[in-house]
Every structure is written in C-alpha cells, then in structure tokens.
Amino acid sequence: MSIEISEDAAVFLKDGGDPVGAVRHVKPGGRAEVIIYVENAGEFSVPLSAVHEVHFGKVMLDPKLLDSAMLRAMGHAHDAETPE
C-alpha cells in the first residue's frame, strides 16, 4: 500500500479532533518514518506503520502504535492556547 503524505500536512489522533501537529519530513534518509512536529513539544519520529489514514491533507495516527512520550506531548499540544 502506498500512502501519499505531504510535508506540512496536519496531524490528528482522530478524525474530527483538533490537530496536534504537522508533518515536517517524509521518509527522511529513505527510512520508513515521518517526522512530526507536535505543538509545544518539538519533533518526533513516527513509523509509517503508525499512520492510520491520510485524506484531505490530514494525517491520522493510530495512538496504539505511538510511544508514551509522544502521546503525552500530544495531550498537551494546546496548553498554550487555553487559559488556566
């Protein structure tokens, strides 16, 4: 299966949810991964196998295939936007 992922595509954990980041690099150095910038946390390497779906300029990730550090970062992606 060939998935077309565009750099700068918005990244989501679920369709209809808020974006948690953006794709920065696709297959860097020929590796089967994407580099994703998570808001307020920086860049993370994600295996292509964790990409659940790609459509309409959106990349949906399968949270079951992400490491705990990235999931924690995604959980705080919008902290700077929300007053406490």
PDB file of N, CA and C in Angstrom:
ATOM      1  N   MET A   1       0.845  -1.180   0.000  1.00  0.00           N
ATOM      2  CA  MET A   1       0.000   0.000   0.000  1.00  0.00           C
ATOM      3  C   MET A   1       0.887   1.239   0.000  1.00  0.00           C
ATOM      4  N   SER A   2       0.581   2.155  -0.886  1.00  0.00           N
ATOM      5  CA  SER A   2       1.337   3.396  -0.972  1.00  0.00           C
ATOM      6  C   SER A   2       0.486   4.531  -0.412  1.00  0.00           C
ATOM      7  N   ILE A   3       1.038   5.252   0.554  1.00  0.00           N
ATOM      8  CA  ILE A   3       0.327   6.365   1.172  1.00  0.00           C
ATOM      9  C   ILE A   3       1.036   7.648   0.774  1.00  0.00           C
ATOM     10  N   GLU A   4       0.275   8.601   0.263  1.00  0.00           N
ATOM     11  CA  GLU A   4       0.834   9.901  -0.100  1.00  0.00           C
ATOM     12  C   GLU A   4       0.695  10.848   1.093  1.00  0.00           C
ATOM     13  N   ILE A   5       1.802  11.151   1.727  1.00  0.00           N
ATOM     14  CA  ILE A   5       1.818  12.069   2.860  1.00  0.00           C
ATOM     15  C   ILE A   5       2.584  13.314   2.428  1.00  0.00           C
ATOM     16  N   SER A   6       1.971  14.462   2.631  1.00  0.00           N
ATOM     17  CA  SER A   6       2.601  15.726   2.259  1.00  0.00           C
ATOM     18  C   SER A   6       3.248  16.382   3.464  1.00  0.00           C
ATOM     19  N   GLU A   7       4.415  16.984   3.230  1.00  0.00           N
ATOM     20  CA  GLU A   7       5.022  17.778   4.286  1.00  0.00           C
ATOM     21  C   GLU A   7       4.079  18.929   4.603  1.00  0.00           C
ATOM     22  N   ASP A   8       4.013  19.304   5.858  1.00  0.00           N
ATOM     23  CA  ASP A   8       3.119  20.334   6.394  1.00  0.00           C
ATOM     24  C   ASP A   8       1.677  19.872   6.540  1.00  0.00           C
ATOM     25  N   ALA A   9       1.368  18.597   6.257  1.00  0.00           N
ATOM     26  CA  ALA A   9       0.011  18.090   6.484  1.00  0.00           C
ATOM     27  C   ALA A   9      -0.288  18.128   7.978  1.00  0.00           C
ATOM     28  N   ALA A  10      -1.527  18.454   8.313  1.00  0.00           N
ATOM     29  CA  ALA A  10      -1.950  18.473   9.712  1.00  0.00           C
ATOM     30  C   ALA A  10      -2.037  17.036  10.240  1.00  0.00           C
ATOM     31  N   VAL A  11      -1.691  16.858  11.514  1.00  0.00           N
ATOM     32  CA  VAL A  11      -1.675  15.541  12.140  1.00  0.00           C
ATOM     33  C   VAL A  11      -2.745  15.485  13.231  1.00  0.00           C
ATOM     34  N   PHE A  12      -3.479  14.383  13.250  1.00  0.00           N
ATOM     35  CA  PHE A  12      -4.577  14.179  14.189  1.00  0.00           C
ATOM     36  C   PHE A  12      -4.490  12.798  14.825  1.00  0.00           C
ATOM     37  N   LEU A  13      -5.097  12.650  15.998  1.00  0.00           N
ATOM     38  CA  LEU A  13      -5.243  11.334  16.603  1.00  0.00           C
ATOM     39  C   LEU A  13      -6.577  10.715  16.231  1.00  0.00           C
ATOM     40  N   LYS A  14      -7.551  11.564  15.867  1.00  0.00           N
ATOM     41  CA  LYS A  14      -8.836  11.052  15.399  1.00  0.00           C
ATOM     42  C   LYS A  14      -9.447  12.050  14.439  1.00  0.00           C
ATOM     43  N   ASP A  15     -10.205  11.536  13.493  1.00  0.00           N
ATOM     44  CA  ASP A  15     -10.870  12.388  12.521  1.00  0.00           C
ATOM     45  C   ASP A  15     -11.904  13.232  13.252  1.00  0.00           C
ATOM     46  N   GLY A  16     -11.908  14.516  12.984  1.00  0.00           N
ATOM     47  CA  GLY A  16     -12.822  15.417  13.652  1.00  0.00           C
ATOM     48  C   GLY A  16     -12.247  16.021  14.927  1.00  0.00           C
ATOM     49  N   GLY A  17     -11.085  15.546  15.356  1.00  0.00           N
ATOM     50  CA  GLY A  17     -10.444  16.091  16.544  1.00  0.00           C
ATOM     51  C   GLY A  17      -9.619  17.317  16.192  1.00  0.00           C
ATOM     52  N   ASP A  18      -8.986  17.869  17.209  1.00  0.00           N
ATOM     53  CA  ASP A  18      -8.105  19.009  16.990  1.00  0.00           C
ATOM     54  C   ASP A  18      -6.755  18.533  16.462  1.00  0.00           C
ATOM     55  N   PRO A  19      -6.123  19.305  15.593  1.00  0.00           N
ATOM     56  CA  PRO A  19      -4.783  18.928  15.133  1.00  0.00           C
ATOM     57  C   PRO A  19      -3.797  19.006  16.296  1.00  0.00           C
ATOM     58  N   VAL A  20      -2.861  18.084  16.304  1.00  0.00           N
ATOM     59  CA  VAL A  20      -1.851  18.053  17.373  1.00  0.00           C
ATOM     60  C   VAL A  20      -0.456  18.353  16.849  1.00  0.00           C
ATOM     61  N   GLY A  21      -0.340  18.563  15.552  1.00  0.00           N
ATOM     62  CA  GLY A  21       0.967  18.858  14.985  1.00  0.00           C
ATOM     63  C   GLY A  21       0.922  18.879  13.475  1.00  0.00           C
ATOM     64  N   ALA A  22       2.121  18.769  12.891  1.00  0.00           N
ATOM     65  CA  ALA A  22       2.239  18.806  11.436  1.00  0.00           C
ATOM     66  C   ALA A  22       3.415  17.947  10.989  1.00  0.00           C
ATOM     67  N   VAL A  23       3.293  17.399   9.797  1.00  0.00           N
ATOM     68  CA  VAL A  23       4.366  16.601   9.211  1.00  0.00           C
ATOM     69  C   VAL A  23       5.484  17.540   8.779  1.00  0.00           C
ATOM     70  N   ARG A  24       6.706  17.235   9.177  1.00  0.00           N
ATOM     71  CA  ARG A  24       7.864  18.042   8.783  1.00  0.00           C
ATOM     72  C   ARG A  24       8.665  17.371   7.678  1.00  0.00           C
ATOM     73  N   HIS A  25       8.874  16.052   7.785  1.00  0.00           N
ATOM     74  CA  HIS A  25       9.662  15.318   6.788  1.00  0.00           C
ATOM     75  C   HIS A  25       9.021  13.955   6.568  1.00  0.00           C
ATOM     76  N   VAL A  26       9.027  13.508   5.320  1.00  0.00           N
ATOM     77  CA  VAL A  26       8.504  12.197   4.959  1.00  0.00           C
ATOM     78  C   VAL A  26       9.666  11.340   4.492  1.00  0.00           C
ATOM     79  N   LYS A  27       9.823  10.190   5.098  1.00  0.00           N
ATOM     80  CA  LYS A  27      10.886   9.232   4.774  1.00  0.00           C
ATOM     81  C   LYS A  27      12.269   9.876   4.764  1.00  0.00           C
ATOM     82  N   PRO A  28      12.655  10.533   5.850  1.00  0.00           N
ATOM     83  CA  PRO A  28      13.994  11.147   5.875  1.00  0.00           C
ATOM     84  C   PRO A  28      15.074  10.077   5.733  1.00  0.00           C
ATOM     85  N   GLY A  29      16.011  10.336   4.871  1.00  0.00           N
ATOM     86  CA  GLY A  29      17.096   9.386   4.644  1.00  0.00           C
ATOM     87  C   GLY A  29      16.617   8.052   4.117  1.00  0.00           C
ATOM     88  N   GLY A  30      15.406   8.005   3.541  1.00  0.00           N
ATOM     89  CA  GLY A  30      14.861   6.767   2.999  1.00  0.00           C
ATOM     90  C   GLY A  30      14.254   5.844   4.046  1.00  0.00           C
ATOM     91  N   ARG A  31      14.223   6.292   5.306  1.00  0.00           N
ATOM     92  CA  ARG A  31      13.658   5.460   6.383  1.00  0.00           C
ATOM     93  C   ARG A  31      12.135   5.459   6.306  1.00  0.00           C
ATOM     94  N   ALA A  32      11.512   4.361   6.732  1.00  0.00           N
ATOM     95  CA  ALA A  32      10.051   4.215   6.719  1.00  0.00           C
ATOM     96  C   ALA A  32       9.447   4.914   7.931  1.00  0.00           C
ATOM     97  N   GLU A  33       9.563   6.245   7.930  1.00  0.00           N
ATOM     98  CA  GLU A  33       9.052   7.028   9.049  1.00  0.00           C
ATOM     99  C   GLU A  33       8.714   8.431   8.579  1.00  0.00           C
ATOM    100  N   VAL A  34       8.002   9.143   9.427  1.00  0.00           N
ATOM    101  CA  VAL A  34       7.743  10.561   9.197  1.00  0.00           C
ATOM    102  C   VAL A  34       8.184  11.304  10.445  1.00  0.00           C
ATOM    103  N   ILE A  35       8.631  12.516  10.257  1.00  0.00           N
ATOM    104  CA  ILE A  35       8.985  13.376  11.382  1.00  0.00           C
ATOM    105  C   ILE A  35       7.809  14.324  11.573  1.00  0.00           C
ATOM    106  N   ILE A  36       7.287  14.325  12.782  1.00  0.00           N
ATOM    107  CA  ILE A  36       6.114  15.126  13.096  1.00  0.00           C
ATOM    108  C   ILE A  36       6.464  16.125  14.179  1.00  0.00           C
ATOM    109  N   TYR A  37       6.113  17.381  13.924  1.00  0.00           N
ATOM    110  CA  TYR A  37       6.268  18.421  14.930  1.00  0.00           C
ATOM    111  C   TYR A  37       4.985  18.469  15.745  1.00  0.00           C
ATOM    112  N   VAL A  38       5.116  18.246  17.047  1.00  0.00           N
ATOM    113  CA  VAL A  38       3.979  18.333  17.959  1.00  0.00           C
ATOM    114  C   VAL A  38       4.044  19.700  18.630  1.00  0.00           C
ATOM    115  N   GLU A  39       2.942  20.421  18.571  1.00  0.00           N
ATOM    116  CA  GLU A  39       2.893  21.762  19.138  1.00  0.00           C
ATOM    117  C   GLU A  39       3.325  21.738  20.606  1.00  0.00           C
ATOM    118  N   ASN A  40       4.161  22.663  20.975  1.00  0.00           N
ATOM    119  CA  ASN A  40       4.674  22.838  22.337  1.00  0.00           C
ATOM    120  C   ASN A  40       5.619  21.734  22.806  1.00  0.00           C
ATOM    121  N   ALA A  41       6.042  20.830  21.899  1.00  0.00           N
ATOM    122  CA  ALA A  41       6.900  19.726  22.345  1.00  0.00           C
ATOM    123  C   ALA A  41       8.085  19.436  21.432  1.00  0.00           C
ATOM    124  N   GLY A  42       8.007  19.787  20.161  1.00  0.00           N
ATOM    125  CA  GLY A  42       9.117  19.508  19.261  1.00  0.00           C
ATOM    126  C   GLY A  42       8.826  18.386  18.291  1.00  0.00           C
ATOM    127  N   GLU A  43       9.895  17.836  17.717  1.00  0.00           N
ATOM    128  CA  GLU A  43       9.774  16.836  16.663  1.00  0.00           C
ATOM    129  C   GLU A  43       9.892  15.421  17.202  1.00  0.00           C
ATOM    130  N   PHE A  44       9.108  14.532  16.597  1.00  0.00           N
ATOM    131  CA  PHE A  44       9.107  13.114  16.950  1.00  0.00           C
ATOM    132  C   PHE A  44       9.182  12.297  15.676  1.00  0.00           C
ATOM    133  N   SER A  45       9.895  11.183  15.738  1.00  0.00           N
ATOM    134  CA  SER A  45       9.959  10.236  14.640  1.00  0.00           C
ATOM    135  C   SER A  45       8.839   9.219  14.827  1.00  0.00           C
ATOM    136  N   VAL A  46       8.054   8.999  13.774  1.00  0.00           N
ATOM    137  CA  VAL A  46       6.913   8.083  13.842  1.00  0.00           C
ATOM    138  C   VAL A  46       7.027   7.079  12.699  1.00  0.00           C
ATOM    139  N   PRO A  47       6.936   5.792  12.997  1.00  0.00           N
ATOM    140  CA  PRO A  47       6.997   4.807  11.910  1.00  0.00           C
ATOM    141  C   PRO A  47       5.779   4.950  10.998  1.00  0.00           C
ATOM    142  N   LEU A  48       5.975   4.713   9.717  1.00  0.00           N
ATOM    143  CA  LEU A  48       4.860   4.791   8.775  1.00  0.00           C
ATOM    144  C   LEU A  48       3.737   3.838   9.156  1.00  0.00           C
ATOM    145  N   SER A  49       4.053   2.764   9.836  1.00  0.00           N
ATOM    146  CA  SER A  49       3.018   1.808  10.251  1.00  0.00           C
ATOM    147  C   SER A  49       2.036   2.424  11.242  1.00  0.00           C
ATOM    148  N   ALA A  50       2.400   3.527  11.890  1.00  0.00           N
ATOM    149  CA  ALA A  50       1.500   4.195  12.841  1.00  0.00           C
ATOM    150  C   ALA A  50       0.551   5.167  12.151  1.00  0.00           C
ATOM    151  N   VAL A  51       0.735   5.372  10.843  1.00  0.00           N
ATOM    152  CA  VAL A  51      -0.173   6.228  10.079  1.00  0.00           C
ATOM    153  C   VAL A  51      -1.404   5.399   9.745  1.00  0.00           C
ATOM    154  N   HIS A  52      -2.530   5.795  10.329  1.00  0.00           N
ATOM    155  CA  HIS A  52      -3.778   5.040  10.178  1.00  0.00           C
ATOM    156  C   HIS A  52      -4.505   5.398   8.888  1.00  0.00           C
ATOM    157  N   GLU A  53      -4.500   6.690   8.554  1.00  0.00           N
ATOM    158  CA  GLU A  53      -5.254   7.164   7.408  1.00  0.00           C
ATOM    159  C   GLU A  53      -4.681   8.493   6.928  1.00  0.00           C
ATOM    160  N   VAL A  54      -4.798   8.741   5.642  1.00  0.00           N
ATOM    161  CA  VAL A  54      -4.390  10.026   5.062  1.00  0.00           C
ATOM    162  C   VAL A  54      -5.473  10.447   4.083  1.00  0.00           C
ATOM    163  N   HIS A  55      -6.056  11.630   4.330  1.00  0.00           N
ATOM    164  CA  HIS A  55      -7.035  12.163   3.392  1.00  0.00           C
ATOM    165  C   HIS A  55      -7.263  13.650   3.634  1.00  0.00           C
ATOM    166  N   PHE A  56      -7.591  14.354   2.562  1.00  0.00           N
ATOM    167  CA  PHE A  56      -7.894  15.790   2.613  1.00  0.00           C
ATOM    168  C   PHE A  56      -6.811  16.598   3.322  1.00  0.00           C
ATOM    169  N   GLY A  57      -5.538  16.247   3.117  1.00  0.00           N
ATOM    170  CA  GLY A  57      -4.439  16.977   3.730  1.00  0.00           C
ATOM    171  C   GLY A  57      -4.278  16.709   5.211  1.00  0.00           C
ATOM    172  N   LYS A  58      -4.904  15.641   5.695  1.00  0.00           N
ATOM    173  CA  LYS A  58      -4.828  15.280   7.107  1.00  0.00           C
ATOM    174  C   LYS A  58      -4.171  13.910   7.250  1.00  0.00           C
ATOM    175  N   VAL A  59      -3.378  13.782   8.310  1.00  0.00           N
ATOM    176  CA  VAL A  59      -2.753  12.508   8.630  1.00  0.00           C
ATOM    177  C   VAL A  59      -3.298  12.059   9.984  1.00  0.00           C
ATOM    178  N   MET A  60      -3.948  10.899  10.014  1.00  0.00           N
ATOM    179  CA  MET A  60      -4.469  10.329  11.243  1.00  0.00           C
ATOM    180  C   MET A  60      -3.513   9.244  11.723  1.00  0.00           C
ATOM    181  N   LEU A  61      -3.112   9.360  12.990  1.00  0.00           N
ATOM    182  CA  LEU A  61      -2.207   8.378  13.578  1.00  0.00           C
ATOM    183  C   LEU A  61      -2.975   7.402  14.452  1.00  0.00           C
ATOM    184  N   ASP A  62      -2.465   6.198  14.559  1.00  0.00           N
ATOM    185  CA  ASP A  62      -3.040   5.187  15.444  1.00  0.00           C
ATOM    186  C   ASP A  62      -2.360   5.324  16.802  1.00  0.00           C
ATOM    187  N   PRO A  63      -3.063   5.827  17.831  1.00  0.00           N
ATOM    188  CA  PRO A  63      -2.421   6.054  19.126  1.00  0.00           C
ATOM    189  C   PRO A  63      -1.858   4.787  19.762  1.00  0.00           C
ATOM    190  N   LYS A  64      -2.388   3.623  19.386  1.00  0.00           N
ATOM    191  CA  LYS A  64      -1.879   2.362  19.949  1.00  0.00           C
ATOM    192  C   LYS A  64      -0.454   2.065  19.477  1.00  0.00           C
ATOM    193  N   LEU A  65      -0.028   2.720  18.396  1.00  0.00           N
ATOM    194  CA  LEU A  65       1.294   2.456  17.834  1.00  0.00           C
ATOM    195  C   LEU A  65       2.298   3.575  18.109  1.00  0.00           C
ATOM    196  N   LEU A  66       1.925   4.526  18.974  1.00  0.00           N
ATOM    197  CA  LEU A  66       2.814   5.636  19.313  1.00  0.00           C
ATOM    198  C   LEU A  66       3.428   5.417  20.677  1.00  0.00           C
ATOM    199  N   ASP A  67       4.638   5.938  20.883  1.00  0.00           N
ATOM    200  CA  ASP A  67       5.257   5.777  22.192  1.00  0.00           C
ATOM    201  C   ASP A  67       4.629   6.734  23.206  1.00  0.00           C
ATOM    202  N   SER A  68       4.809   6.428  24.460  1.00  0.00           N
ATOM    203  CA  SER A  68       4.153   7.178  25.533  1.00  0.00           C
ATOM    204  C   SER A  68       4.604   8.636  25.590  1.00  0.00           C
ATOM    205  N   ALA A  69       5.856   8.925  25.261  1.00  0.00           N
ATOM    206  CA  ALA A  69       6.344  10.303  25.286  1.00  0.00           C
ATOM    207  C   ALA A  69       5.595  11.149  24.257  1.00  0.00           C
ATOM    208  N   MET A  70       5.367  10.594  23.078  1.00  0.00           N
ATOM    209  CA  MET A  70       4.659  11.341  22.052  1.00  0.00           C
ATOM    210  C   MET A  70       3.193  11.524  22.435  1.00  0.00           C
ATOM    211  N   LEU A  71       2.574  10.497  22.998  1.00  0.00           N
ATOM    212  CA  LEU A  71       1.184  10.620  23.431  1.00  0.00           C
ATOM    213  C   LEU A  71       1.031  11.695  24.507  1.00  0.00           C
ATOM    214  N   ARG A  72       1.978  11.744  25.443  1.00  0.00           N
ATOM    215  CA  ARG A  72       1.931  12.789  26.483  1.00  0.00           C
ATOM    216  C   ARG A  72       2.062  14.173  25.843  1.00  0.00           C
ATOM    217  N   ALA A  73       3.002  14.300  24.903  1.00  0.00           N
ATOM    218  CA  ALA A  73       3.200  15.586  24.222  1.00  0.00           C
ATOM    219  C   ALA A  73       1.940  16.005  23.478  1.00  0.00           C
ATOM    220  N   MET A  74       1.311  15.075  22.792  1.00  0.00           N
ATOM    221  CA  MET A  74       0.095  15.386  22.053  1.00  0.00           C
ATOM    222  C   MET A  74      -1.037  15.803  22.987  1.00  0.00           C
ATOM    223  N   GLY A  75      -1.056  15.235  24.175  1.00  0.00           N
ATOM    224  CA  GLY A  75      -2.067  15.591  25.161  1.00  0.00           C
ATOM    225  C   GLY A  75      -1.927  17.017  25.661  1.00  0.00           C
ATOM    226  N   HIS A  76      -0.759  17.613  25.448  1.00  0.00           N
ATOM    227  CA  HIS A  76      -0.510  18.983  25.896  1.00  0.00           C
ATOM    228  C   HIS A  76      -0.292  19.947  24.729  1.00  0.00           C
ATOM    229  N   ALA A  77      -0.626  19.520  23.527  1.00  0.00           N
ATOM    230  CA  ALA A  77      -0.343  20.320  22.329  1.00  0.00           C
ATOM    231  C   ALA A  77      -1.016  21.691  22.354  1.00  0.00           C
ATOM    232  N   HIS A  78      -2.133  21.807  23.036  1.00  0.00           N
ATOM    233  CA  HIS A  78      -2.877  23.071  23.014  1.00  0.00           C
ATOM    234  C   HIS A  78      -2.846  23.799  24.350  1.00  0.00           C
ATOM    235  N   ASP A  79      -1.964  23.398  25.243  1.00  0.00           N
ATOM    236  CA  ASP A  79      -1.887  24.028  26.557  1.00  0.00           C
ATOM    237  C   ASP A  79      -1.657  25.533  26.491  1.00  0.00           C
ATOM    238  N   ALA A  80      -0.829  25.977  25.571  1.00  0.00           N
ATOM    239  CA  ALA A  80      -0.507  27.401  25.481  1.00  0.00           C
ATOM    240  C   ALA A  80      -1.710  28.235  25.008  1.00  0.00           C
ATOM    241  N   GLU A  81      -2.701  27.582  24.416  1.00  0.00           N
ATOM    242  CA  GLU A  81      -3.870  28.292  23.907  1.00  0.00           C
ATOM    243  C   GLU A  81      -4.977  28.430  24.940  1.00  0.00           C
ATOM    244  N   THR A  82      -4.954  27.571  25.951  1.00  0.00           N
ATOM    245  CA  THR A  82      -6.037  27.526  26.918  1.00  0.00           C
ATOM    246  C   THR A  82      -5.625  28.189  28.216  1.00  0.00           C
ATOM    247  N   PRO A  83      -6.346  29.235  28.642  1.00  0.00           N
ATOM    248  CA  PRO A  83      -6.009  29.841  29.930  1.00  0.00           C
ATOM    249  C   PRO A  83      -6.345  28.874  31.083  1.00  0.00           C
ATOM    250  N   GLU A  84      -5.512  28.916  32.111  1.00  0.00           N
ATOM    251  CA  GLU A  84      -5.731  28.001  33.238  1.00  0.00           C
ATOM    252  C   GLU A  84      -6.721  28.560  34.213  1.00  0.00           C
TER     253      GLU A  84
END
